[in-house]
């Protein structure tokens, strides 16, 4: 019988057998705003993932703060935590769990925002962030700021000063700006 070890290409092996979510036969986790005037999020159903060919289930999450994965966040924007999304900018956030079921949020780089990564000056592209192979993506959030900035863990997710779009996801879309 064939197994994942038969696939010699590591990225293909990971795609086929690891860190991917949502058995098509199961309910989606459905990302949502936790409560009115809250800076927290929740899921309405369990998160089902596959890590190294093994199914894992994380119960529905309630009242979750934006928790950064410092290693993954450093890869994306050179910071170990979140940065404020300035007024009039757009930014994507990826929602994922690790094999232990711990939820993380990875912030992309806000459009046009200068930042330093490994000592190199860069400009934010506003693209959906990469999620490391050690995490299973289950959703995304697009924040479009109006006249006020968005501050993760501070700004209420239903504030009238910006537009947000939540999406349930099973893996990173091919498009840089998927929704």
N, C-alpha and C. Protein backbone atom coordinates (compact mmCIF):
# COMPACT_ATOMS: atom_id res chain seq x y z
N UNK A 1 0.83 -1.17 0.00
CA UNK A 1 0.00 0.00 0.00
C UNK A 1 0.88 1.25 0.00
N UNK A 2 0.52 2.23 -0.77
CA UNK A 2 1.27 3.48 -0.83
C UNK A 2 1.01 4.32 0.41
N UNK A 3 2.01 5.15 0.77
CA UNK A 3 1.80 6.09 1.86
C UNK A 3 2.50 7.40 1.52
N UNK A 4 2.40 8.38 2.40
CA UNK A 4 2.95 9.71 2.14
C UNK A 4 4.46 9.68 1.91
N UNK A 5 5.16 8.72 2.50
CA UNK A 5 6.61 8.64 2.34
C UNK A 5 7.01 8.32 0.89
N UNK A 6 6.07 7.81 0.10
CA UNK A 6 6.35 7.51 -1.30
C UNK A 6 6.45 8.77 -2.17
N UNK A 7 5.95 9.88 -1.67
CA UNK A 7 6.02 11.14 -2.41
C UNK A 7 7.32 11.83 -2.03
N UNK A 8 8.23 11.94 -2.97
CA UNK A 8 9.57 12.46 -2.68
C UNK A 8 9.61 13.99 -2.60
N UNK A 9 8.71 14.67 -3.28
CA UNK A 9 8.69 16.13 -3.30
C UNK A 9 7.99 16.64 -2.03
N UNK A 10 8.74 17.32 -1.12
CA UNK A 10 8.20 17.75 0.17
C UNK A 10 6.96 18.65 0.04
N UNK A 11 6.97 19.69 -0.81
CA UNK A 11 5.75 20.51 -0.91
C UNK A 11 4.53 19.71 -1.37
N UNK A 12 4.72 18.79 -2.30
CA UNK A 12 3.60 17.96 -2.75
C UNK A 12 3.14 17.02 -1.64
N UNK A 13 4.08 16.43 -0.90
CA UNK A 13 3.72 15.55 0.21
C UNK A 13 2.90 16.31 1.27
N UNK A 14 3.30 17.55 1.56
CA UNK A 14 2.56 18.36 2.53
C UNK A 14 1.17 18.70 2.01
N UNK A 15 1.07 19.04 0.74
CA UNK A 15 -0.22 19.37 0.16
C UNK A 15 -1.18 18.18 0.21
N UNK A 16 -0.67 17.01 -0.11
CA UNK A 16 -1.51 15.81 -0.16
C UNK A 16 -1.86 15.31 1.24
N UNK A 17 -0.91 15.34 2.16
CA UNK A 17 -1.16 14.65 3.42
C UNK A 17 -1.03 15.44 4.70
N UNK A 18 -0.78 16.73 4.62
CA UNK A 18 -0.58 17.42 5.88
C UNK A 18 -1.08 18.83 5.91
N UNK A 19 -1.45 19.26 7.10
CA UNK A 19 -1.82 20.64 7.39
C UNK A 19 -2.87 21.20 6.44
N UNK A 20 -3.84 20.40 6.11
CA UNK A 20 -4.95 20.89 5.30
C UNK A 20 -6.24 20.60 6.05
N UNK A 21 -7.22 21.41 5.82
CA UNK A 21 -8.43 21.40 6.63
C UNK A 21 -9.65 20.88 5.91
N UNK A 22 -10.66 20.71 6.73
CA UNK A 22 -12.03 20.55 6.31
C UNK A 22 -12.29 19.35 5.40
N UNK A 23 -12.50 18.24 6.03
CA UNK A 23 -12.99 17.08 5.32
C UNK A 23 -14.25 17.53 4.59
N UNK A 24 -14.35 17.36 3.27
CA UNK A 24 -15.50 17.86 2.53
C UNK A 24 -16.84 17.36 3.08
N UNK A 25 -16.84 16.24 3.75
CA UNK A 25 -18.10 15.71 4.28
C UNK A 25 -18.49 16.35 5.61
N UNK A 26 -17.62 17.16 6.18
CA UNK A 26 -17.89 17.75 7.49
C UNK A 26 -18.39 19.18 7.35
N UNK A 27 -18.90 19.71 8.45
CA UNK A 27 -19.35 21.09 8.48
C UNK A 27 -18.15 22.02 8.49
N UNK A 28 -18.29 23.18 7.86
CA UNK A 28 -17.23 24.18 7.89
C UNK A 28 -17.19 24.85 9.25
N UNK A 29 -16.03 25.34 9.68
CA UNK A 29 -15.95 25.98 10.99
C UNK A 29 -16.68 27.32 11.06
N UNK A 30 -16.89 28.00 9.98
CA UNK A 30 -17.59 29.27 9.87
C UNK A 30 -17.06 30.33 10.84
N UNK A 31 -16.16 31.16 10.34
CA UNK A 31 -15.63 32.28 11.11
C UNK A 31 -16.72 33.33 11.31
N UNK A 32 -16.71 33.96 12.48
CA UNK A 32 -17.71 34.98 12.75
C UNK A 32 -17.19 35.97 13.79
N UNK A 33 -17.80 37.14 13.83
CA UNK A 33 -17.53 38.10 14.90
C UNK A 33 -18.09 37.51 16.18
N UNK A 34 -17.34 37.57 17.26
CA UNK A 34 -17.77 36.97 18.51
C UNK A 34 -19.03 37.61 19.08
N UNK A 35 -19.05 38.91 19.18
CA UNK A 35 -20.19 39.62 19.77
C UNK A 35 -20.15 41.07 19.32
N UNK A 36 -21.27 41.77 19.46
CA UNK A 36 -21.32 43.18 19.10
C UNK A 36 -20.27 43.95 19.89
N UNK A 37 -19.60 44.88 19.21
CA UNK A 37 -18.59 45.76 19.80
C UNK A 37 -17.41 44.98 20.41
N UNK A 38 -17.10 43.80 19.88
CA UNK A 38 -16.00 42.99 20.40
C UNK A 38 -14.86 42.94 19.39
N UNK A 39 -13.65 42.84 19.92
CA UNK A 39 -12.46 42.71 19.09
C UNK A 39 -12.03 41.25 18.99
N UNK A 40 -12.96 40.33 19.23
CA UNK A 40 -12.68 38.89 19.22
C UNK A 40 -13.50 38.20 18.14
N UNK A 41 -13.09 36.97 17.80
CA UNK A 41 -13.74 36.18 16.77
C UNK A 41 -14.09 34.81 17.34
N UNK A 42 -14.87 34.04 16.59
CA UNK A 42 -15.26 32.69 17.00
C UNK A 42 -15.52 31.85 15.76
N UNK A 43 -15.70 30.54 15.98
CA UNK A 43 -16.18 29.66 14.92
C UNK A 43 -17.51 29.07 15.40
N UNK A 44 -18.35 28.72 14.47
CA UNK A 44 -19.66 28.18 14.83
C UNK A 44 -19.71 26.66 14.80
N UNK A 45 -18.61 26.03 14.39
CA UNK A 45 -18.55 24.56 14.35
C UNK A 45 -17.09 24.14 14.58
N UNK A 46 -16.89 22.85 14.76
CA UNK A 46 -15.55 22.31 14.99
C UNK A 46 -14.66 22.52 13.77
N UNK A 47 -13.38 22.61 14.01
CA UNK A 47 -12.37 22.73 12.94
C UNK A 47 -11.76 21.35 12.76
N UNK A 48 -11.89 20.81 11.56
CA UNK A 48 -11.32 19.50 11.27
C UNK A 48 -10.11 19.69 10.38
N UNK A 49 -9.00 19.06 10.73
CA UNK A 49 -7.74 19.22 10.02
C UNK A 49 -7.10 17.86 9.77
N UNK A 50 -6.12 17.85 8.88
CA UNK A 50 -5.33 16.66 8.63
C UNK A 50 -3.86 17.07 8.77
N UNK A 51 -3.15 16.41 9.66
CA UNK A 51 -1.71 16.65 9.84
C UNK A 51 -1.00 15.32 9.65
N UNK A 52 -0.10 15.28 8.67
CA UNK A 52 0.67 14.07 8.37
C UNK A 52 -0.26 12.87 8.19
N UNK A 53 -1.39 13.11 7.52
CA UNK A 53 -2.34 12.05 7.22
C UNK A 53 -3.30 11.69 8.34
N UNK A 54 -3.19 12.33 9.50
CA UNK A 54 -4.05 12.03 10.64
C UNK A 54 -5.10 13.11 10.83
N UNK A 55 -6.35 12.71 10.95
CA UNK A 55 -7.44 13.66 11.21
C UNK A 55 -7.36 14.18 12.63
N UNK A 56 -7.58 15.47 12.79
CA UNK A 56 -7.69 16.08 14.11
C UNK A 56 -8.94 16.95 14.13
N UNK A 57 -9.55 17.08 15.29
CA UNK A 57 -10.73 17.92 15.43
C UNK A 57 -10.53 18.87 16.59
N UNK A 58 -10.79 20.13 16.35
CA UNK A 58 -10.74 21.16 17.40
C UNK A 58 -12.17 21.66 17.57
N UNK A 59 -12.68 21.62 18.78
CA UNK A 59 -14.06 22.05 19.03
C UNK A 59 -14.25 23.48 18.58
N UNK A 60 -15.49 23.89 18.40
CA UNK A 60 -15.79 25.26 18.03
C UNK A 60 -15.14 26.22 19.02
N UNK A 61 -14.65 27.31 18.52
CA UNK A 61 -13.93 28.28 19.34
C UNK A 61 -14.83 29.46 19.68
N UNK A 62 -14.74 29.94 20.91
CA UNK A 62 -15.53 31.09 21.34
C UNK A 62 -14.61 32.18 21.86
N UNK A 63 -14.93 33.43 21.57
CA UNK A 63 -14.25 34.61 22.10
C UNK A 63 -12.73 34.52 22.00
N UNK A 64 -12.22 34.37 20.79
CA UNK A 64 -10.78 34.26 20.57
C UNK A 64 -10.17 35.61 20.23
N UNK A 65 -9.08 35.95 20.90
CA UNK A 65 -8.30 37.13 20.55
C UNK A 65 -7.43 36.78 19.34
N UNK A 66 -6.89 37.78 18.68
CA UNK A 66 -5.96 37.55 17.59
C UNK A 66 -4.64 37.11 18.21
N UNK A 67 -4.29 35.84 18.12
CA UNK A 67 -3.05 35.31 18.69
C UNK A 67 -2.05 35.09 17.57
N UNK A 68 -0.91 35.74 17.65
CA UNK A 68 0.10 35.65 16.60
C UNK A 68 0.96 34.40 16.77
N UNK A 69 1.38 33.84 15.66
CA UNK A 69 2.40 32.81 15.63
C UNK A 69 3.69 33.56 15.29
N UNK A 70 4.53 33.81 16.28
CA UNK A 70 5.69 34.69 16.11
C UNK A 70 6.60 34.27 14.97
N UNK A 71 6.85 32.97 14.83
CA UNK A 71 7.74 32.49 13.77
C UNK A 71 7.14 32.76 12.40
N UNK A 72 5.87 32.41 12.22
CA UNK A 72 5.22 32.61 10.93
C UNK A 72 5.05 34.10 10.64
N UNK A 73 4.70 34.89 11.65
CA UNK A 73 4.51 36.32 11.45
C UNK A 73 5.81 36.99 11.02
N UNK A 74 6.94 36.54 11.58
CA UNK A 74 8.25 37.07 11.20
C UNK A 74 8.52 36.81 9.72
N UNK A 75 8.11 35.65 9.23
CA UNK A 75 8.32 35.31 7.81
C UNK A 75 7.53 36.24 6.90
N UNK A 76 6.36 36.68 7.36
CA UNK A 76 5.47 37.47 6.51
C UNK A 76 5.83 38.95 6.52
N UNK A 77 5.94 39.54 7.73
CA UNK A 77 6.14 40.99 7.76
C UNK A 77 7.31 41.45 8.63
N UNK A 78 8.18 40.55 9.03
CA UNK A 78 9.35 40.94 9.78
C UNK A 78 9.08 41.27 11.24
N UNK A 79 7.87 41.09 11.71
CA UNK A 79 7.50 41.38 13.09
C UNK A 79 7.11 40.08 13.79
N UNK A 80 7.18 40.07 15.12
CA UNK A 80 6.75 38.87 15.86
C UNK A 80 5.28 38.96 16.25
N UNK A 81 4.68 40.11 16.03
CA UNK A 81 3.27 40.30 16.37
C UNK A 81 2.55 41.08 15.28
N UNK A 82 1.42 41.66 15.65
CA UNK A 82 0.60 42.38 14.67
C UNK A 82 1.01 43.83 14.56
N UNK A 83 0.69 44.41 13.41
CA UNK A 83 0.91 45.83 13.20
C UNK A 83 -0.44 46.47 12.90
N UNK A 84 -0.56 47.74 13.21
CA UNK A 84 -1.79 48.48 12.94
C UNK A 84 -1.97 48.64 11.43
N UNK A 85 -3.21 48.42 10.98
CA UNK A 85 -3.53 48.66 9.57
C UNK A 85 -3.94 50.12 9.47
N UNK A 86 -3.15 50.95 8.78
CA UNK A 86 -3.45 52.39 8.73
C UNK A 86 -4.76 52.69 8.00
N UNK A 87 -5.29 53.87 8.26
CA UNK A 87 -6.50 54.33 7.56
C UNK A 87 -6.29 54.25 6.06
N UNK A 88 -7.32 53.94 5.35
CA UNK A 88 -7.39 53.83 3.88
C UNK A 88 -6.58 52.66 3.31
N UNK A 89 -6.13 51.73 4.13
CA UNK A 89 -5.34 50.58 3.64
C UNK A 89 -6.16 49.30 3.75
N UNK A 90 -5.72 48.27 3.05
CA UNK A 90 -6.35 46.95 3.08
C UNK A 90 -5.34 45.94 3.60
N UNK A 91 -5.84 44.95 4.35
CA UNK A 91 -4.96 43.92 4.89
C UNK A 91 -5.73 42.62 5.06
N UNK A 92 -5.08 41.50 4.76
CA UNK A 92 -5.66 40.17 4.96
C UNK A 92 -5.09 39.54 6.23
N UNK A 93 -5.91 38.71 6.88
CA UNK A 93 -5.50 37.92 8.03
C UNK A 93 -5.87 36.47 7.74
N UNK A 94 -4.97 35.53 8.03
CA UNK A 94 -5.22 34.11 7.86
C UNK A 94 -5.47 33.49 9.24
N UNK A 95 -6.45 32.61 9.34
CA UNK A 95 -6.78 31.92 10.58
C UNK A 95 -6.40 30.45 10.42
N UNK A 96 -5.63 29.91 11.37
CA UNK A 96 -5.12 28.55 11.24
C UNK A 96 -4.97 27.90 12.61
N UNK A 97 -4.83 26.59 12.62
CA UNK A 97 -4.55 25.84 13.85
C UNK A 97 -3.30 25.00 13.61
N UNK A 98 -2.61 24.68 14.71
CA UNK A 98 -1.50 23.75 14.61
C UNK A 98 -2.00 22.35 14.94
N UNK A 99 -1.12 21.35 14.93
CA UNK A 99 -1.53 19.96 15.15
C UNK A 99 -2.14 19.75 16.53
N UNK A 100 -1.80 20.59 17.49
CA UNK A 100 -2.38 20.49 18.84
C UNK A 100 -3.73 21.18 18.93
N UNK A 101 -4.15 21.86 17.86
CA UNK A 101 -5.44 22.55 17.86
C UNK A 101 -5.38 23.98 18.35
N UNK A 102 -4.19 24.51 18.57
CA UNK A 102 -4.05 25.90 19.02
C UNK A 102 -4.29 26.84 17.85
N UNK A 103 -5.22 27.80 18.01
CA UNK A 103 -5.50 28.72 16.91
C UNK A 103 -4.50 29.87 16.84
N UNK A 104 -4.18 30.28 15.62
CA UNK A 104 -3.30 31.41 15.37
C UNK A 104 -3.89 32.27 14.27
N UNK A 105 -3.51 33.54 14.27
CA UNK A 105 -3.89 34.46 13.20
C UNK A 105 -2.59 35.02 12.62
N UNK A 106 -2.45 34.97 11.30
CA UNK A 106 -1.27 35.50 10.64
C UNK A 106 -1.71 36.70 9.82
N UNK A 107 -1.07 37.84 10.06
CA UNK A 107 -1.41 39.07 9.37
C UNK A 107 -0.57 39.23 8.13
N UNK A 108 -1.22 39.60 7.03
CA UNK A 108 -0.50 39.97 5.82
C UNK A 108 0.06 41.36 5.97
N UNK A 109 0.64 41.90 4.92
CA UNK A 109 1.18 43.26 4.97
C UNK A 109 0.17 44.23 4.38
N UNK A 110 -0.18 45.29 5.13
CA UNK A 110 -1.14 46.27 4.61
C UNK A 110 -0.63 46.92 3.33
N UNK A 111 -1.53 47.19 2.40
CA UNK A 111 -1.16 47.79 1.12
C UNK A 111 -0.38 49.08 1.30
N UNK A 112 0.76 49.17 0.64
CA UNK A 112 1.55 50.39 0.61
C UNK A 112 2.26 50.77 1.89
N UNK A 113 2.21 49.92 2.93
CA UNK A 113 2.84 50.26 4.21
C UNK A 113 4.31 49.86 4.20
N UNK A 114 5.22 50.81 4.40
CA UNK A 114 6.64 50.46 4.48
C UNK A 114 6.95 49.66 5.75
N UNK A 115 7.81 48.65 5.65
CA UNK A 115 8.24 47.88 6.81
C UNK A 115 9.61 47.29 6.52
N UNK A 116 10.26 46.80 7.58
CA UNK A 116 11.58 46.16 7.43
C UNK A 116 11.46 44.68 7.73
N UNK A 117 12.06 43.87 6.87
CA UNK A 117 12.10 42.44 7.06
C UNK A 117 13.54 41.99 6.88
N UNK A 118 14.12 41.46 7.96
CA UNK A 118 15.52 41.05 7.95
C UNK A 118 16.44 42.19 7.51
N UNK A 119 16.14 43.40 7.95
CA UNK A 119 16.97 44.56 7.64
C UNK A 119 16.77 45.14 6.26
N UNK A 120 15.82 44.61 5.49
CA UNK A 120 15.57 45.09 4.14
C UNK A 120 14.26 45.87 4.12
N UNK A 121 14.29 47.09 3.56
CA UNK A 121 13.08 47.90 3.46
C UNK A 121 12.15 47.31 2.40
N UNK A 122 10.88 47.18 2.76
CA UNK A 122 9.88 46.62 1.85
C UNK A 122 8.61 47.47 1.90
N UNK A 123 7.73 47.26 0.94
CA UNK A 123 6.43 47.93 0.91
C UNK A 123 5.36 46.84 0.95
N UNK A 124 4.37 47.01 1.83
CA UNK A 124 3.29 46.02 1.96
C UNK A 124 2.54 45.84 0.65
N UNK A 125 2.23 44.57 0.33
CA UNK A 125 1.56 44.26 -0.93
C UNK A 125 0.05 44.05 -0.79
N UNK A 126 -0.44 43.91 0.44
CA UNK A 126 -1.88 43.69 0.63
C UNK A 126 -2.34 42.31 0.22
N UNK A 127 -1.41 41.37 0.04
CA UNK A 127 -1.76 40.02 -0.38
C UNK A 127 -2.15 39.14 0.80
N UNK A 128 -2.83 38.04 0.52
CA UNK A 128 -3.16 37.06 1.55
C UNK A 128 -1.86 36.45 2.04
N UNK A 129 -1.66 36.34 3.36
CA UNK A 129 -0.37 35.87 3.88
C UNK A 129 -0.15 34.37 3.67
N UNK A 130 1.12 33.99 3.56
CA UNK A 130 1.47 32.58 3.52
C UNK A 130 1.27 31.98 4.91
N UNK A 131 0.84 30.75 4.94
CA UNK A 131 0.67 30.02 6.20
C UNK A 131 1.65 28.87 6.16
N UNK A 132 2.48 28.74 7.18
CA UNK A 132 3.50 27.71 7.20
C UNK A 132 2.93 26.31 7.12
N UNK A 133 3.77 25.37 6.73
CA UNK A 133 3.34 23.97 6.58
C UNK A 133 2.94 23.35 7.91
N UNK A 134 3.36 23.96 9.02
CA UNK A 134 3.01 23.42 10.33
C UNK A 134 1.62 23.86 10.80
N UNK A 135 0.93 24.67 9.98
CA UNK A 135 -0.39 25.16 10.34
C UNK A 135 -1.42 24.75 9.30
N UNK A 136 -2.67 24.57 9.75
CA UNK A 136 -3.78 24.24 8.85
C UNK A 136 -4.71 25.44 8.76
N UNK A 137 -4.80 26.02 7.59
CA UNK A 137 -5.64 27.19 7.35
C UNK A 137 -7.12 26.80 7.41
N UNK A 138 -7.93 27.59 8.11
CA UNK A 138 -9.37 27.34 8.09
C UNK A 138 -10.19 28.58 7.77
N UNK A 139 -9.57 29.74 7.64
CA UNK A 139 -10.34 30.92 7.29
C UNK A 139 -9.48 32.13 7.02
N UNK A 140 -10.15 33.17 6.53
CA UNK A 140 -9.47 34.42 6.24
C UNK A 140 -10.36 35.61 6.55
N UNK A 141 -9.73 36.74 6.76
CA UNK A 141 -10.42 38.01 7.00
C UNK A 141 -9.76 39.08 6.16
N UNK A 142 -10.58 39.84 5.44
CA UNK A 142 -10.09 40.99 4.69
C UNK A 142 -10.61 42.23 5.40
N UNK A 143 -9.69 43.12 5.76
CA UNK A 143 -10.04 44.37 6.43
C UNK A 143 -9.72 45.52 5.47
N UNK A 144 -10.73 46.34 5.18
CA UNK A 144 -10.56 47.53 4.35
C UNK A 144 -10.87 48.73 5.24
N UNK A 145 -9.83 49.48 5.56
CA UNK A 145 -10.00 50.61 6.48
C UNK A 145 -10.53 51.84 5.75
N UNK A 146 -11.36 52.58 6.46
CA UNK A 146 -11.84 53.87 5.97
C UNK A 146 -10.96 54.96 6.55
N UNK A 147 -11.56 55.87 7.31
CA UNK A 147 -10.83 57.01 7.84
C UNK A 147 -10.06 56.68 9.12
N UNK A 148 -10.32 55.55 9.73
CA UNK A 148 -9.64 55.15 10.96
C UNK A 148 -8.81 53.88 10.75
N UNK A 149 -7.77 53.68 11.54
CA UNK A 149 -6.96 52.46 11.44
C UNK A 149 -7.67 51.27 12.10
N UNK A 150 -7.19 50.08 11.75
CA UNK A 150 -7.65 48.85 12.41
C UNK A 150 -6.51 48.36 13.28
N UNK A 151 -6.79 48.18 14.58
CA UNK A 151 -5.77 47.70 15.52
C UNK A 151 -6.20 46.32 16.01
N UNK A 152 -5.50 45.25 15.60
CA UNK A 152 -5.87 43.91 16.05
C UNK A 152 -5.95 43.83 17.57
N UNK A 153 -6.97 43.15 18.07
CA UNK A 153 -7.24 42.96 19.50
C UNK A 153 -7.71 44.22 20.21
N UNK A 154 -7.93 45.30 19.47
CA UNK A 154 -8.43 46.54 20.06
C UNK A 154 -9.68 47.02 19.34
N UNK A 155 -9.61 47.12 18.01
CA UNK A 155 -10.73 47.62 17.22
C UNK A 155 -11.83 46.57 17.16
N UNK A 156 -13.06 46.97 17.46
CA UNK A 156 -14.20 46.06 17.38
C UNK A 156 -14.37 45.60 15.93
N UNK A 157 -14.62 44.31 15.75
CA UNK A 157 -14.72 43.74 14.40
C UNK A 157 -15.98 44.19 13.66
N UNK A 158 -16.93 44.80 14.37
CA UNK A 158 -18.12 45.32 13.70
C UNK A 158 -18.14 46.85 13.67
N UNK A 159 -16.98 47.48 13.88
CA UNK A 159 -16.89 48.94 13.85
C UNK A 159 -17.29 49.46 12.48
N UNK A 160 -17.96 50.60 12.47
CA UNK A 160 -18.46 51.19 11.22
C UNK A 160 -17.36 51.87 10.41
N UNK A 161 -16.17 51.98 10.97
CA UNK A 161 -15.09 52.71 10.29
C UNK A 161 -14.28 51.87 9.32
N UNK A 162 -14.63 50.60 9.17
CA UNK A 162 -13.95 49.76 8.19
C UNK A 162 -14.91 48.66 7.73
N UNK A 163 -14.54 48.00 6.63
CA UNK A 163 -15.33 46.89 6.10
C UNK A 163 -14.54 45.61 6.29
N UNK A 164 -15.19 44.56 6.80
CA UNK A 164 -14.49 43.29 6.91
C UNK A 164 -15.27 42.21 6.18
N UNK A 165 -14.54 41.25 5.66
CA UNK A 165 -15.13 40.10 4.99
C UNK A 165 -14.47 38.85 5.53
N UNK A 166 -15.26 37.99 6.15
CA UNK A 166 -14.76 36.70 6.64
C UNK A 166 -15.01 35.64 5.57
N UNK A 167 -14.05 34.71 5.41
CA UNK A 167 -14.21 33.59 4.47
C UNK A 167 -13.71 32.31 5.13
N UNK A 168 -14.46 31.24 4.96
CA UNK A 168 -14.01 29.92 5.39
C UNK A 168 -13.13 29.37 4.27
N UNK A 169 -12.04 28.70 4.65
CA UNK A 169 -11.07 28.25 3.66
C UNK A 169 -10.53 26.88 4.05
N UNK A 170 -10.05 26.14 3.06
CA UNK A 170 -9.42 24.84 3.29
C UNK A 170 -7.93 24.88 3.00
N UNK A 171 -7.49 25.81 2.16
CA UNK A 171 -6.07 26.00 1.86
C UNK A 171 -5.92 27.37 1.23
N UNK A 172 -4.69 27.85 1.15
CA UNK A 172 -4.44 29.17 0.59
C UNK A 172 -4.83 29.19 -0.88
N UNK A 173 -5.65 30.17 -1.26
CA UNK A 173 -6.04 30.27 -2.67
C UNK A 173 -4.83 30.64 -3.56
N UNK A 174 -4.94 30.34 -4.84
CA UNK A 174 -3.88 30.65 -5.78
C UNK A 174 -3.77 32.17 -6.00
N UNK A 175 -4.90 32.88 -5.93
CA UNK A 175 -4.89 34.32 -6.14
C UNK A 175 -4.29 35.03 -4.93
N UNK A 176 -3.48 36.06 -5.17
CA UNK A 176 -2.89 36.82 -4.09
C UNK A 176 -3.93 37.61 -3.29
N UNK A 177 -4.97 38.07 -4.01
CA UNK A 177 -6.08 38.80 -3.39
C UNK A 177 -7.35 37.98 -3.70
N UNK A 178 -7.64 36.98 -2.86
CA UNK A 178 -8.69 36.01 -3.19
C UNK A 178 -10.12 36.47 -3.02
N UNK A 179 -10.35 37.50 -2.24
CA UNK A 179 -11.74 37.99 -2.04
C UNK A 179 -11.73 39.44 -1.60
